[in-house]
Each structure stands twice: as C-alpha cells, then as structure tokens.
Amino acid sequence: MHWVIKMLECLVDGEISTFVKTTNRGLNYADGLFETLCVFNGVPRGWQAHMDRLGAGCERLGIDMPPQAILLREVQTVSAGMAGVVVKIVLCRGGAARGYAPLADAACVRIVSAHGLPQDIDEKAVTGVRARICDLRLALQPALGGIKHLNRLEQVMASAENSDPGVEGILLDREEYVISAIAANIFLVLDGRLLTPRLDRCGVRGVVRGQLLAAFSARCEQRRIQLDLLREADEVFTCNSVRGIVPVTAIDAQEFAIGPLTRELQGWLHKDGRA
C-alpha cells in the first residue's frame, strides 16, 4: 500500500514517484523535517541558510542528513524548465518497523517536490494583509522549539478557525506570548527598533527572520512579546522564504500603517536577489 502525494514534479529517494510507503515514519509519526524554498531558473534562494537549518534539525532529532550535493541536484531536477517554483524538501527518518522507537543507522527517506508560486505575492507585499489572533494556543516544547519538524497539526487547526483565507492568523503560546503567524515569522517596529519573539520553546526559526536578525542586529531584539506590546507597535510585518516581507495592516479591529522601516526592509530583502 502507498500514500499518494500530488504536486507538479516529485522525487522520492531520487526516483520519479508520487508514492511513499504507508509505513513511512513521517506519515505515521511526523518523524522528520522539511524546508520550503523558492527556485528561480534553477537557482534556489537562501540555499545555505535552508541547509544549515535542516542540518540543525537533523542533529536535534538524530536523523542522518543526506549530502547537500544530492539535495541540490534533486531540487534542480524537480524545478528544471520552470522559471519560478516553490520546492519542498521533506526528510523522514528511515525504518519501517512499528513502534515509536527509532531504528539505529536507518537512512532517511527524501521527498523533493515542486509546486506553483502563490499568485498574490506581489500584491500582498504592496498592500499588506489583515490579521486576527487565533484561538488555538501553541504548546511549549523546548526540545522542538525553533526547528521545522513535520508535526504541523497546530497550524492546521489554527488555519481551520478562519473562513477568510485572505486574513492572516497570529499564534500565541499557552502563556499568551506572541510567537508567529501561522506560516511566517512576525516582527514589530517600536520606536525605531525591530522586535521579534524568542522561539526557544515553540515556533520555527525562519530563514528570512535569521537574515534580518543578522543584517540588522544593532536594531533587533528577540524577546517575549505580550499581546499588549504587539498592539502598541508602530508597524507590524510577517516574513517567510516564499512571500518575503508582508506588512500587517490590521490585527482584529486595530489598524496599522505600512511604515518606512517595513518598506526599507522589503527593499533590502529584494536587493541582490535575497527575495
């Protein structure tokens, strides 16, 4: 028996396929990691940053990461002939035995697939998005904090709350601290400084988030952010590797201006093909 995956192009362990075994540990236990990145004319953006995060996640979970050269070749294969696509890399721990205990020295399963770019990227970058605070609260698990593991049920449930797909969801943790958007990191601008949540107990440390923290370290601060502080912000924006920086124009009933620092950072990110 097999589980069907639908996408534009797909490789499973380097072979053209749209199937993985039903014993796959990623399917059964979310035992694995993933990366999502844009590829334009065969060139993946932010490649090394994505590989560094994937490597850190593999080390945390004890999964043997395939050589980068293999992953790059497969990314270029699934994106061949397409001007711009989103490529997803999934690594699942190997082994087919029942039970939670991982098998020692089991090679991981690689799934590399190409998907179409969202059609509204440019529009949302200019006009921004409205957002709402999700009812769901993220669980705290420091052992998984920051890594992009496969268990995204919390994000699935948060997405299901909202009947308007054009409205972004903002997630808080069980202690009512702001963590992220559903599929992006979040920053606020307050008195000229960039604040973003600490992600040591839950959430994903995004690639664009890391680029901003590195490039603007003198103006950035990672901290626990309560909802009241978020509502006091002069500007708010989200960021991820597919959409880049997207201004937030409202959170529930509160309006926010698209400010100069958000526009400055958008320009910086687009410079030299960062986004």
C-alpha atoms as a PDB file:
ATOM      1  CA  MET A   1       0.000   0.000   0.000  1.00  0.00           C
ATOM      2  CA  HIS A   2       1.119   3.545  -0.740  1.00  0.00           C
ATOM      3  CA  TRP A   3       0.145   7.102   0.150  1.00  0.00           C
ATOM      4  CA  VAL A   4      -0.378   9.410  -2.849  1.00  0.00           C
ATOM      5  CA  ILE A   5       1.267  12.862  -2.944  1.00  0.00           C
ATOM      6  CA  LYS A   6       0.043  15.416  -5.529  1.00  0.00           C
ATOM      7  CA  MET A   7       2.383  18.086  -6.905  1.00  0.00           C
ATOM      8  CA  LEU A   8       3.944  19.354 -10.137  1.00  0.00           C
ATOM      9  CA  GLU A   9       7.062  17.197 -10.019  1.00  0.00           C
ATOM     10  CA  CYS A  10       8.321  14.840  -7.328  1.00  0.00           C
ATOM     11  CA  LEU A  11      11.269  12.634  -6.487  1.00  0.00           C
ATOM     12  CA  VAL A  12      11.254  10.049  -3.716  1.00  0.00           C
ATOM     13  CA  ASP A  13      14.778   8.954  -2.813  1.00  0.00           C
ATOM     14  CA  GLY A  14      15.942  10.314  -6.151  1.00  0.00           C
ATOM     15  CA  GLU A  15      13.414   8.414  -8.267  1.00  0.00           C
ATOM     16  CA  ILE A  16      10.450   9.940 -10.110  1.00  0.00           C
ATOM     17  CA  SER A  17       7.476   8.959  -7.979  1.00  0.00           C
ATOM     18  CA  THR A  18       4.349  10.242  -6.277  1.00  0.00           C
ATOM     19  CA  PHE A  19       4.218   7.478  -3.671  1.00  0.00           C
ATOM     20  CA  VAL A  20       5.702   6.704  -0.277  1.00  0.00           C
ATOM     21  CA  LYS A  21       5.099   3.552   1.737  1.00  0.00           C
ATOM     22  CA  THR A  22       2.338   3.591   4.319  1.00  0.00           C
ATOM     23  CA  THR A  23       4.962   2.509   6.871  1.00  0.00           C
ATOM     24  CA  ASN A  24       6.808   5.811   6.354  1.00  0.00           C
ATOM     25  CA  ARG A  25       7.652   7.336   9.746  1.00  0.00           C
ATOM     26  CA  GLY A  26       6.886  10.837   8.539  1.00  0.00           C
ATOM     27  CA  LEU A  27       3.346   9.737   7.700  1.00  0.00           C
ATOM     28  CA  ASN A  28       2.863   7.698  10.869  1.00  0.00           C
ATOM     29  CA  TYR A  29       4.656   9.810  13.476  1.00  0.00           C
ATOM     30  CA  ALA A  30       5.583  13.143  11.807  1.00  0.00           C
ATOM     31  CA  ASP A  31       9.135  11.905  12.395  1.00  0.00           C
ATOM     32  CA  GLY A  32      11.057  14.226  10.153  1.00  0.00           C
ATOM     33  CA  LEU A  33      11.753  17.742   8.932  1.00  0.00           C
ATOM     34  CA  PHE A  34      11.036  19.922   5.917  1.00  0.00           C
ATOM     35  CA  GLU A  35      12.241  23.021   4.110  1.00  0.00           C
ATOM     36  CA  THR A  36      10.295  25.191   1.676  1.00  0.00           C
ATOM     37  CA  LEU A  37      12.212  27.474  -0.652  1.00  0.00           C
ATOM     38  CA  CYS A  38      11.846  29.359  -3.927  1.00  0.00           C
ATOM     39  CA  VAL A  39      13.795  28.320  -7.006  1.00  0.00           C
ATOM     40  CA  PHE A  40      14.157  30.704  -9.943  1.00  0.00           C
ATOM     41  CA  ASN A  41      15.706  29.410 -13.172  1.00  0.00           C
ATOM     42  CA  GLY A  42      17.336  26.557 -11.315  1.00  0.00           C
ATOM     43  CA  VAL A  43      18.829  28.707  -8.547  1.00  0.00           C
ATOM     44  CA  PRO A  44      17.440  28.116  -5.022  1.00  0.00           C
ATOM     45  CA  ARG A  45      17.271  31.281  -2.920  1.00  0.00           C
ATOM     46  CA  GLY A  46      18.822  31.197   0.510  1.00  0.00           C
ATOM     47  CA  TRP A  47      20.141  27.700  -0.151  1.00  0.00           C
ATOM     48  CA  GLN A  48      22.852  27.579   2.505  1.00  0.00           C
ATOM     49  CA  ALA A  49      20.605  29.077   5.176  1.00  0.00           C
ATOM     50  CA  HIS A  50      17.977  26.429   4.459  1.00  0.00           C
ATOM     51  CA  MET A  51      20.599  23.681   4.555  1.00  0.00           C
ATOM     52  CA  ASP A  52      22.018  24.988   7.827  1.00  0.00           C
ATOM     53  CA  ARG A  53      18.580  24.941   9.429  1.00  0.00           C
ATOM     54  CA  LEU A  54      17.844  21.487   8.022  1.00  0.00           C
ATOM     55  CA  GLY A  55      21.169  20.233   9.346  1.00  0.00           C
ATOM     56  CA  ALA A  56      20.471  21.668  12.792  1.00  0.00           C
ATOM     57  CA  GLY A  57      17.059  19.985  12.820  1.00  0.00           C
ATOM     58  CA  CYS A  58      18.555  16.652  11.752  1.00  0.00           C
ATOM     59  CA  GLU A  59      21.102  16.892  14.541  1.00  0.00           C
ATOM     60  CA  ARG A  60      18.380  17.686  17.077  1.00  0.00           C
ATOM     61  CA  LEU A  61      16.292  14.679  16.015  1.00  0.00           C
ATOM     62  CA  GLY A  62      19.207  12.329  15.367  1.00  0.00           C
ATOM     63  CA  ILE A  63      18.494  11.934  11.644  1.00  0.00           C
ATOM     64  CA  ASP A  64      21.376  11.465   9.204  1.00  0.00           C
ATOM     65  CA  MET A  65      21.137  14.343   6.733  1.00  0.00           C
ATOM     66  CA  PRO A  66      21.834  13.475   3.084  1.00  0.00           C
ATOM     67  CA  PRO A  67      24.735  15.302   1.426  1.00  0.00           C
ATOM     68  CA  GLN A  68      23.811  18.793   0.255  1.00  0.00           C
ATOM     69  CA  ALA A  69      25.002  17.938  -3.249  1.00  0.00           C
ATOM     70  CA  ILE A  70      22.325  15.247  -3.536  1.00  0.00           C
ATOM     71  CA  LEU A  71      19.587  17.541  -2.280  1.00  0.00           C
ATOM     72  CA  LEU A  72      20.678  20.345  -4.601  1.00  0.00           C
ATOM     73  CA  ARG A  73      20.679  18.023  -7.598  1.00  0.00           C
ATOM     74  CA  GLU A  74      17.170  16.842  -6.761  1.00  0.00           C
ATOM     75  CA  VAL A  75      15.923  20.405  -6.203  1.00  0.00           C
ATOM     76  CA  GLN A  76      17.264  21.383  -9.624  1.00  0.00           C
ATOM     77  CA  THR A  77      15.748  18.274 -11.196  1.00  0.00           C
ATOM     78  CA  VAL A  78      12.192  18.907  -9.994  1.00  0.00           C
ATOM     79  CA  SER A  79      12.414  22.607 -10.902  1.00  0.00           C
ATOM     80  CA  ALA A  80      14.001  22.095 -14.332  1.00  0.00           C
ATOM     81  CA  GLY A  81      12.388  24.075 -17.133  1.00  0.00           C
ATOM     82  CA  MET A  82      10.325  26.242 -14.780  1.00  0.00           C
ATOM     83  CA  ALA A  83      11.105  29.941 -14.327  1.00  0.00           C
ATOM     84  CA  GLY A  84       9.905  30.080 -10.728  1.00  0.00           C
ATOM     85  CA  VAL A  85       8.594  27.421  -8.364  1.00  0.00           C
ATOM     86  CA  VAL A  86       8.327  26.567  -4.699  1.00  0.00           C
ATOM     87  CA  VAL A  87      10.303  23.444  -3.824  1.00  0.00           C
ATOM     88  CA  LYS A  88       9.649  21.436  -0.690  1.00  0.00           C
ATOM     89  CA  ILE A  89      12.251  19.103   0.776  1.00  0.00           C
ATOM     90  CA  VAL A  90      10.963  16.513   3.246  1.00  0.00           C
ATOM     91  CA  LEU A  91      13.270  14.227   5.202  1.00  0.00           C
ATOM     92  CA  CYS A  92      11.631  11.355   7.094  1.00  0.00           C
ATOM     93  CA  ARG A  93      13.516   9.101   9.468  1.00  0.00           C
ATOM     94  CA  GLY A  94      14.116   5.720   7.866  1.00  0.00           C
ATOM     95  CA  GLY A  95      12.893   2.393   9.142  1.00  0.00           C
ATOM     96  CA  ALA A  96       9.615   0.565   8.692  1.00  0.00           C
ATOM     97  CA  ALA A  97       9.159  -1.278  11.981  1.00  0.00           C
ATOM     98  CA  ARG A  98       6.081  -0.491  14.070  1.00  0.00           C
ATOM     99  CA  GLY A  99       6.566   1.432  17.298  1.00  0.00           C
ATOM    100  CA  TYR A 100       7.896   4.830  18.222  1.00  0.00           C
ATOM    101  CA  ALA A 101      11.497   3.814  18.881  1.00  0.00           C
ATOM    102  CA  PRO A 102      13.761   4.887  16.003  1.00  0.00           C
ATOM    103  CA  LEU A 103      15.979   2.313  14.356  1.00  0.00           C
ATOM    104  CA  ALA A 104      19.704   2.901  14.569  1.00  0.00           C
ATOM    105  CA  ASP A 105      21.556   3.799  11.351  1.00  0.00           C
ATOM    106  CA  ALA A 106      18.407   3.859   9.200  1.00  0.00           C
ATOM    107  CA  ALA A 107      18.847   6.059   6.114  1.00  0.00           C
ATOM    108  CA  CYS A 108      16.253   8.807   5.869  1.00  0.00           C
ATOM    109  CA  VAL A 109      13.635   8.997   3.127  1.00  0.00           C
ATOM    110  CA  ARG A 110      13.930  12.041   0.828  1.00  0.00           C
ATOM    111  CA  ILE A 111      10.893  13.626  -0.815  1.00  0.00           C
ATOM    112  CA  VAL A 112      11.614  16.620  -3.058  1.00  0.00           C
ATOM    113  CA  SER A 113       8.673  18.221  -4.844  1.00  0.00           C
ATOM    114  CA  ALA A 114       7.930  21.319  -6.927  1.00  0.00           C
ATOM    115  CA  HIS A 115       4.812  23.467  -6.521  1.00  0.00           C
ATOM    116  CA  GLY A 116       3.467  26.619  -8.137  1.00  0.00           C
ATOM    117  CA  LEU A 117       4.248  30.036  -6.686  1.00  0.00           C
ATOM    118  CA  PRO A 118       1.362  31.855  -4.949  1.00  0.00           C
ATOM    119  CA  GLN A 119      -0.246  34.261  -7.409  1.00  0.00           C
ATOM    120  CA  ASP A 120      -0.686  37.141  -4.968  1.00  0.00           C
ATOM    121  CA  ILE A 121       2.892  37.569  -3.714  1.00  0.00           C
ATOM    122  CA  ASP A 122       3.483  40.972  -5.296  1.00  0.00           C
ATOM    123  CA  GLU A 123       0.039  42.295  -4.370  1.00  0.00           C
ATOM    124  CA  LYS A 124       0.322  41.400  -0.694  1.00  0.00           C
ATOM    125  CA  ALA A 125       3.836  42.800  -0.454  1.00  0.00           C
ATOM    126  CA  VAL A 126       2.446  46.173  -1.567  1.00  0.00           C
ATOM    127  CA  THR A 127      -0.990  46.311   0.084  1.00  0.00           C
ATOM    128  CA  GLY A 128      -0.331  44.147   3.143  1.00  0.00           C
ATOM    129  CA  VAL A 129      -2.685  41.754   4.914  1.00  0.00           C
ATOM    130  CA  ARG A 130      -5.187  41.914   7.719  1.00  0.00           C
ATOM    131  CA  ALA A 131      -4.687  39.521  10.629  1.00  0.00           C
ATOM    132  CA  ARG A 132      -6.526  38.022  13.558  1.00  0.00           C
ATOM    133  CA  ILE A 133      -5.422  36.427  16.816  1.00  0.00           C
ATOM    134  CA  CYS A 134      -6.062  32.690  16.612  1.00  0.00           C
ATOM    135  CA  ASP A 135      -7.980  30.917  19.378  1.00  0.00           C
ATOM    136  CA  LEU A 136      -5.562  27.987  19.345  1.00  0.00           C
ATOM    137  CA  ARG A 137      -2.550  28.300  21.633  1.00  0.00           C
ATOM    138  CA  LEU A 138       0.763  26.650  20.778  1.00  0.00           C
ATOM    139  CA  ALA A 139       2.131  24.041  23.161  1.00  0.00           C
ATOM    140  CA  LEU A 140       5.532  24.620  24.761  1.00  0.00           C
ATOM    141  CA  GLN A 141       8.167  22.030  23.878  1.00  0.00           C
ATOM    142  CA  PRO A 142      11.760  23.289  24.112  1.00  0.00           C
ATOM    143  CA  ALA A 143      13.111  20.058  22.602  1.00  0.00           C
ATOM    144  CA  LEU A 144      11.403  21.003  19.326  1.00  0.00           C
ATOM    145  CA  GLY A 145      11.489  24.795  19.613  1.00  0.00           C
ATOM    146  CA  GLY A 146      12.804  26.538  16.507  1.00  0.00           C
ATOM    147  CA  ILE A 147      13.144  23.538  14.174  1.00  0.00           C
ATOM    148  CA  LYS A 148      10.895  22.883  11.183  1.00  0.00           C
ATOM    149  CA  HIS A 149       9.600  19.445  12.119  1.00  0.00           C
ATOM    150  CA  LEU A 150       6.752  17.724  10.284  1.00  0.00           C
ATOM    151  CA  ASN A 151       4.122  17.968  13.026  1.00  0.00           C
ATOM    152  CA  ARG A 152       2.035  20.968  11.881  1.00  0.00           C
ATOM    153  CA  LEU A 153      -1.333  19.945  13.366  1.00  0.00           C
ATOM    154  CA  GLU A 154      -1.460  23.113  15.444  1.00  0.00           C
ATOM    155  CA  GLN A 155      -1.120  25.181  12.279  1.00  0.00           C
ATOM    156  CA  VAL A 156      -3.770  23.062  10.556  1.00  0.00           C
ATOM    157  CA  MET A 157      -6.212  23.644  13.412  1.00  0.00           C
ATOM    158  CA  ALA A 158      -5.435  27.372  13.552  1.00  0.00           C
ATOM    159  CA  SER A 159      -5.997  27.668   9.796  1.00  0.00           C
ATOM    160  CA  ALA A 160      -9.341  25.910  10.126  1.00  0.00           C
ATOM    161  CA  GLU A 161     -10.591  28.610  12.526  1.00  0.00           C
ATOM    162  CA  ASN A 162     -10.703  31.250   9.809  1.00  0.00           C
ATOM    163  CA  SER A 163     -13.245  31.250   6.981  1.00  0.00           C
ATOM    164  CA  ASP A 164     -11.395  34.029   5.106  1.00  0.00           C
ATOM    165  CA  PRO A 165      -8.125  32.725   3.585  1.00  0.00           C
ATOM    166  CA  GLY A 166      -7.030  36.315   2.936  1.00  0.00           C
ATOM    167  CA  VAL A 167      -6.759  37.048   6.666  1.00  0.00           C
ATOM    168  CA  GLU A 168      -3.505  36.032   8.335  1.00  0.00           C
ATOM    169  CA  GLY A 169      -3.584  34.171  11.651  1.00  0.00           C
ATOM    170  CA  ILE A 170      -1.323  35.149  14.561  1.00  0.00           C
ATOM    171  CA  LEU A 171      -0.410  32.450  17.062  1.00  0.00           C
ATOM    172  CA  LEU A 172       0.208  32.828  20.797  1.00  0.00           C
ATOM    173  CA  ASP A 173       1.611  30.173  23.094  1.00  0.00           C
ATOM    174  CA  ARG A 174      -0.010  28.713  26.203  1.00  0.00           C
ATOM    175  CA  GLU A 175       1.425  31.550  28.290  1.00  0.00           C
ATOM    176  CA  GLU A 176      -0.137  34.164  25.983  1.00  0.00           C
ATOM    177  CA  TYR A 177       3.121  35.293  24.379  1.00  0.00           C
ATOM    178  CA  VAL A 178       3.122  36.132  20.660  1.00  0.00           C
ATOM    179  CA  ILE A 179       5.008  33.504  18.640  1.00  0.00           C
ATOM    180  CA  SER A 180       4.395  33.859  14.900  1.00  0.00           C
ATOM    181  CA  ALA A 181       1.917  33.932  12.072  1.00  0.00           C
ATOM    182  CA  ILE A 182       0.576  30.543  11.005  1.00  0.00           C
ATOM    183  CA  ALA A 183       3.201  30.071   8.283  1.00  0.00           C
ATOM    184  CA  ALA A 184       5.553  33.003   8.826  1.00  0.00           C
ATOM    185  CA  ASN A 185       7.569  34.792  11.468  1.00  0.00           C
ATOM    186  CA  ILE A 186       6.432  38.122  12.853  1.00  0.00           C
ATOM    187  CA  PHE A 187       8.234  41.370  13.630  1.00  0.00           C
ATOM    188  CA  LEU A 188       7.030  44.594  15.176  1.00  0.00           C
ATOM    189  CA  VAL A 189       8.582  48.029  14.929  1.00  0.00           C
ATOM    190  CA  LEU A 190       8.505  50.053  18.135  1.00  0.00           C
ATOM    191  CA  ASP A 191      10.320  53.376  18.469  1.00  0.00           C
ATOM    192  CA  GLY A 192      12.572  52.508  15.548  1.00  0.00           C
ATOM    193  CA  ARG A 193      13.575  49.087  16.908  1.00  0.00           C
ATOM    194  CA  LEU A 194      12.762  45.677  15.480  1.00  0.00           C
ATOM    195  CA  LEU A 195      11.306  43.199  17.970  1.00  0.00           C
ATOM    196  CA  THR A 196      10.606  39.556  17.217  1.00  0.00           C
ATOM    197  CA  PRO A 197       9.555  36.687  19.507  1.00  0.00           C
ATOM    198  CA  ARG A 198      12.053  34.305  21.039  1.00  0.00           C
ATOM    199  CA  LEU A 199      11.468  30.851  19.585  1.00  0.00           C
ATOM    200  CA  ASP A 200      13.220  28.607  22.076  1.00  0.00           C
ATOM    201  CA  ARG A 201      10.067  26.843  23.294  1.00  0.00           C
ATOM    202  CA  CYS A 202       7.928  26.608  20.146  1.00  0.00           C
ATOM    203  CA  GLY A 203       7.681  28.101  16.676  1.00  0.00           C
ATOM    204  CA  VAL A 204      10.062  27.922  13.709  1.00  0.00           C
ATOM    205  CA  ARG A 205      13.211  29.999  13.291  1.00  0.00           C
ATOM    206  CA  GLY A 206      12.639  31.144   9.725  1.00  0.00           C
ATOM    207  CA  VAL A 207      15.369  31.774   7.179  1.00  0.00           C
ATOM    208  CA  VAL A 208      14.274  35.344   6.397  1.00  0.00           C
ATOM    209  CA  ARG A 209      13.936  36.021  10.136  1.00  0.00           C
ATOM    210  CA  GLY A 210      17.535  34.887  10.559  1.00  0.00           C
ATOM    211  CA  GLN A 211      18.697  37.104   7.690  1.00  0.00           C
ATOM    212  CA  LEU A 212      17.051  40.137   9.254  1.00  0.00           C
ATOM    213  CA  LEU A 213      18.467  39.413  12.704  1.00  0.00           C
ATOM    214  CA  ALA A 214      21.964  39.062  11.260  1.00  0.00           C
ATOM    215  CA  ALA A 215      21.864  42.102   8.996  1.00  0.00           C
ATOM    216  CA  PHE A 216      20.157  44.464  11.443  1.00  0.00           C
ATOM    217  CA  SER A 217      21.475  43.136  14.747  1.00  0.00           C
ATOM    218  CA  ALA A 218      22.028  46.629  16.139  1.00  0.00           C
ATOM    219  CA  ARG A 219      18.318  47.382  15.747  1.00  0.00           C
ATOM    220  CA  CYS A 220      16.882  43.933  16.540  1.00  0.00           C
ATOM    221  CA  GLU A 221      15.839  42.289  19.766  1.00  0.00           C
ATOM    222  CA  GLN A 222      14.468  38.818  20.427  1.00  0.00           C
ATOM    223  CA  ARG A 223      12.196  38.805  23.457  1.00  0.00           C
ATOM    224  CA  ARG A 224       8.975  37.506  24.957  1.00  0.00           C
ATOM    225  CA  ILE A 225       6.259  39.640  23.408  1.00  0.00           C
ATOM    226  CA  GLN A 226       2.878  40.003  25.056  1.00  0.00           C
ATOM    227  CA  LEU A 227      -0.199  40.898  23.038  1.00  0.00           C
ATOM    228  CA  ASP A 228      -0.395  44.368  24.579  1.00  0.00           C
ATOM    229  CA  LEU A 229       3.087  45.167  23.273  1.00  0.00           C
ATOM    230  CA  LEU A 230       2.160  43.937  19.807  1.00  0.00           C
ATOM    231  CA  ARG A 231      -0.843  46.254  19.785  1.00  0.00           C
ATOM    232  CA  GLU A 232       1.416  49.204  20.719  1.00  0.00           C
ATOM    233  CA  ALA A 233       3.644  48.673  17.675  1.00  0.00           C
ATOM    234  CA  ASP A 234       4.204  51.383  15.087  1.00  0.00           C
ATOM    235  CA  GLU A 235       4.495  48.786  12.319  1.00  0.00           C
ATOM    236  CA  VAL A 236       3.962  45.025  12.070  1.00  0.00           C
ATOM    237  CA  PHE A 237       5.065  42.627   9.338  1.00  0.00           C
ATOM    238  CA  THR A 238       5.427  38.912   8.684  1.00  0.00           C
ATOM    239  CA  CYS A 239       8.185  37.190   6.751  1.00  0.00           C
ATOM    240  CA  ASN A 240       8.997  33.839   5.209  1.00  0.00           C
ATOM    241  CA  SER A 241      11.054  32.438   2.342  1.00  0.00           C
ATOM    242  CA  VAL A 242       8.208  32.292  -0.171  1.00  0.00           C
ATOM    243  CA  ARG A 243       6.399  35.582   0.402  1.00  0.00           C
ATOM    244  CA  GLY A 244       9.273  37.657   1.737  1.00  0.00           C
ATOM    245  CA  ILE A 245       8.174  40.568   3.951  1.00  0.00           C
ATOM    246  CA  VAL A 246       4.428  41.273   4.101  1.00  0.00           C
ATOM    247  CA  PRO A 247       3.073  44.300   6.001  1.00  0.00           C
ATOM    248  CA  VAL A 248       0.265  43.704   8.500  1.00  0.00           C
ATOM    249  CA  THR A 249      -2.366  46.442   8.167  1.00  0.00           C
ATOM    250  CA  ALA A 250      -4.697  45.320  10.961  1.00  0.00           C
ATOM    251  CA  ILE A 251      -4.901  42.877  13.868  1.00  0.00           C
ATOM    252  CA  ASP A 252      -8.550  42.189  14.586  1.00  0.00           C
ATOM    253  CA  ALA A 253     -10.107  45.686  14.789  1.00  0.00           C
ATOM    254  CA  GLN A 254      -6.844  47.598  15.302  1.00  0.00           C
ATOM    255  CA  GLU A 255      -5.318  49.259  12.224  1.00  0.00           C
ATOM    256  CA  PHE A 256      -1.589  49.619  11.495  1.00  0.00           C
ATOM    257  CA  ALA A 257       0.149  51.843   8.977  1.00  0.00           C
ATOM    258  CA  ILE A 258       2.606  50.376   6.478  1.00  0.00           C
ATOM    259  CA  GLY A 259       5.631  52.241   7.769  1.00  0.00           C
ATOM    260  CA  PRO A 260       9.002  53.305   6.394  1.00  0.00           C
ATOM    261  CA  LEU A 261      11.038  50.628   8.156  1.00  0.00           C
ATOM    262  CA  THR A 262       8.909  47.849   6.679  1.00  0.00           C
ATOM    263  CA  ARG A 263       9.434  49.335   3.216  1.00  0.00           C
ATOM    264  CA  GLU A 264      13.167  49.714   3.872  1.00  0.00           C
ATOM    265  CA  LEU A 265      13.482  46.074   4.849  1.00  0.00           C
ATOM    266  CA  GLN A 266      11.480  44.956   1.815  1.00  0.00           C
ATOM    267  CA  GLY A 267      13.897  46.853  -0.399  1.00  0.00           C
ATOM    268  CA  TRP A 268      16.891  45.346   1.392  1.00  0.00           C
ATOM    269  CA  LEU A 269      15.496  41.827   1.028  1.00  0.00           C
ATOM    270  CA  HIS A 270      14.972  42.247  -2.705  1.00  0.00           C
ATOM    271  CA  LYS A 271      18.445  43.651  -3.220  1.00  0.00           C
ATOM    272  CA  ASP A 272      20.854  41.167  -4.808  1.00  0.00           C
ATOM    273  CA  GLY A 273      18.090  38.578  -5.126  1.00  0.00           C
ATOM    274  CA  ARG A 274      17.554  37.824  -1.438  1.00  0.00           C
ATOM    275  CA  ALA A 275      13.802  37.575  -2.127  1.00  0.00           C
END
